[in-house]
């Protein structure tokens, strides 16, 4: 069985690059710097279903991403969650939060409709994140 990205993630997100285990996606919602890690393993819905080495790799990639997002965007908080109620494929949200954002202190889900990125802001955000993550992120061919 081969890994395929869930169609909803394909539709709602932009590809940033790949780590050793996960694809890194950016939610197409300009209200928040919002990223997702998707382990490239078929038919995985829960973290506990990953092999032990993959669980460790997921944690390493999540921490690397969170630390770099916190630094790059000068976050007040990074919300990290694996919900999966609408998209069963395992994906881990990493959302940069500020005390001044439109849903603070509530969760971002279901509060407001998304506001897609303008092409200029999208390209700038992708470039900034790729540059911040540097060699840890593979971007060729994505």
Protein backbone atom coordinates (compact mmCIF):
# COMPACT_ATOMS: atom_id res chain seq x y z
CA UNK A 1 0.00 0.00 0.00
CA UNK A 2 1.32 3.47 -0.86
CA UNK A 3 0.84 6.79 0.89
CA UNK A 4 -1.67 9.20 -0.66
CA UNK A 5 -2.58 12.59 0.74
CA UNK A 6 -6.25 12.87 1.72
CA UNK A 7 -8.20 14.89 -0.90
CA UNK A 8 -9.39 17.46 1.66
CA UNK A 9 -5.80 18.19 2.71
CA UNK A 10 -4.83 18.39 -0.95
CA UNK A 11 -7.63 20.93 -1.51
CA UNK A 12 -7.23 23.05 1.64
CA UNK A 13 -3.45 23.21 1.87
CA UNK A 14 -0.31 24.23 0.01
CA UNK A 15 2.77 22.02 -0.08
CA UNK A 16 5.77 23.45 1.76
CA UNK A 17 8.14 20.48 1.59
CA UNK A 18 9.03 17.19 3.21
CA UNK A 19 10.86 16.04 6.28
CA UNK A 20 12.15 12.49 6.66
CA UNK A 21 8.74 11.21 7.82
CA UNK A 22 6.20 13.93 7.17
CA UNK A 23 4.95 16.15 4.42
CA UNK A 24 4.72 19.74 5.58
CA UNK A 25 1.64 21.60 4.39
CA UNK A 26 0.42 25.14 4.94
CA UNK A 27 -3.29 25.70 5.45
CA UNK A 28 -4.56 28.19 2.88
CA UNK A 29 -5.92 30.53 5.55
CA UNK A 30 -4.09 33.83 5.86
CA UNK A 31 -5.62 34.61 9.28
CA UNK A 32 -3.02 32.40 10.99
CA UNK A 33 0.36 30.93 10.15
CA UNK A 34 -1.07 27.37 10.16
CA UNK A 35 0.92 24.29 9.18
CA UNK A 36 0.30 20.55 9.16
CA UNK A 37 2.61 17.57 9.45
CA UNK A 38 1.29 14.48 7.66
CA UNK A 39 3.26 11.27 8.26
CA UNK A 40 3.83 9.59 4.90
CA UNK A 41 2.50 6.24 6.02
CA UNK A 42 -0.61 4.66 4.47
CA UNK A 43 -3.81 4.15 6.44
CA UNK A 44 -2.62 5.70 9.70
CA UNK A 45 -5.28 7.52 11.71
CA UNK A 46 -3.69 7.78 15.15
CA UNK A 47 -0.21 8.49 16.48
CA UNK A 48 -0.16 5.20 18.40
CA UNK A 49 -0.54 3.31 15.10
CA UNK A 50 2.89 4.46 13.97
CA UNK A 51 5.90 2.24 14.55
CA UNK A 52 7.95 3.34 17.59
CA UNK A 53 10.74 4.82 15.44
CA UNK A 54 8.17 6.78 13.41
CA UNK A 55 6.56 8.11 16.61
CA UNK A 56 9.94 9.41 17.74
CA UNK A 57 10.58 10.91 14.30
CA UNK A 58 7.15 12.59 14.35
CA UNK A 59 7.92 14.13 17.74
CA UNK A 60 11.32 15.35 16.50
CA UNK A 61 9.77 16.88 13.37
CA UNK A 62 6.93 18.44 15.35
CA UNK A 63 9.31 20.02 17.84
CA UNK A 64 11.60 21.26 15.07
CA UNK A 65 8.64 22.81 13.26
CA UNK A 66 7.11 24.35 16.39
CA UNK A 67 10.40 25.87 17.54
CA UNK A 68 11.08 27.36 14.11
CA UNK A 69 7.54 28.70 13.72
CA UNK A 70 7.75 30.24 17.18
CA UNK A 71 11.01 31.96 16.27
CA UNK A 72 10.02 33.04 12.76
CA UNK A 73 6.60 34.43 13.64
CA UNK A 74 7.37 35.57 17.22
CA UNK A 75 4.37 33.60 18.45
CA UNK A 76 2.63 34.07 21.76
CA UNK A 77 1.67 30.37 21.60
CA UNK A 78 1.89 27.44 19.21
CA UNK A 79 -1.26 25.29 19.20
CA UNK A 80 -0.45 21.68 18.29
CA UNK A 81 -3.29 19.22 17.77
CA UNK A 82 -4.22 15.96 16.08
CA UNK A 83 -8.00 16.13 15.76
CA UNK A 84 -8.95 14.16 12.64
CA UNK A 85 -12.73 14.37 12.94
CA UNK A 86 -13.22 15.54 9.34
CA UNK A 87 -10.02 14.15 7.82
CA UNK A 88 -9.25 10.70 9.23
CA UNK A 89 -5.68 10.61 7.86
CA UNK A 90 -3.23 11.41 10.65
CA UNK A 91 -2.17 15.04 10.45
CA UNK A 92 -0.82 17.30 13.17
CA UNK A 93 -1.83 20.96 13.17
CA UNK A 94 0.76 23.58 14.20
CA UNK A 95 -0.96 26.95 14.49
CA UNK A 96 0.83 30.15 15.41
CA UNK A 97 -1.32 32.10 17.85
CA UNK A 98 -1.22 35.65 19.12
CA UNK A 99 -3.18 37.27 21.92
CA UNK A 100 -4.44 39.65 19.21
CA UNK A 101 -5.68 37.08 16.66
CA UNK A 102 -9.39 36.98 15.83
CA UNK A 103 -10.25 33.85 17.81
CA UNK A 104 -7.94 34.22 20.83
CA UNK A 105 -8.20 32.54 23.32
CA UNK A 106 -10.55 30.05 21.66
CA UNK A 107 -9.60 27.32 19.23
CA UNK A 108 -9.54 28.31 15.55
CA UNK A 109 -11.87 25.55 14.30
CA UNK A 110 -15.30 26.61 13.11
CA UNK A 111 -15.08 30.22 14.26
CA UNK A 112 -14.60 32.03 10.95
CA UNK A 113 -14.45 31.12 7.29
CA UNK A 114 -10.91 30.84 5.98
CA UNK A 115 -9.35 33.74 4.10
CA UNK A 116 -7.14 32.36 1.32
CA UNK A 117 -3.68 33.82 0.84
CA UNK A 118 -3.08 36.37 -1.87
CA UNK A 119 -0.47 35.06 -4.33
CA UNK A 120 2.10 37.54 -3.00
CA UNK A 121 1.58 36.70 0.68
CA UNK A 122 1.42 32.96 -0.10
CA UNK A 123 4.74 33.05 -1.94
CA UNK A 124 6.39 35.17 0.77
CA UNK A 125 5.13 32.92 3.58
CA UNK A 126 6.30 29.74 1.79
CA UNK A 127 9.71 31.30 1.10
CA UNK A 128 10.11 32.45 4.73
CA UNK A 129 9.20 29.06 6.19
CA UNK A 130 11.40 27.15 3.75
CA UNK A 131 14.32 29.48 4.49
CA UNK A 132 13.77 29.19 8.26
CA UNK A 133 13.74 25.37 8.14
CA UNK A 134 16.72 25.27 5.82
CA UNK A 135 18.32 21.91 5.11
CA UNK A 136 15.93 20.05 7.43
CA UNK A 137 13.24 20.49 4.76
CA UNK A 138 13.35 18.93 1.30
CA UNK A 139 11.59 21.15 -1.24
CA UNK A 140 12.78 19.80 -4.58
CA UNK A 141 10.10 18.08 -6.63
CA UNK A 142 7.20 19.08 -4.40
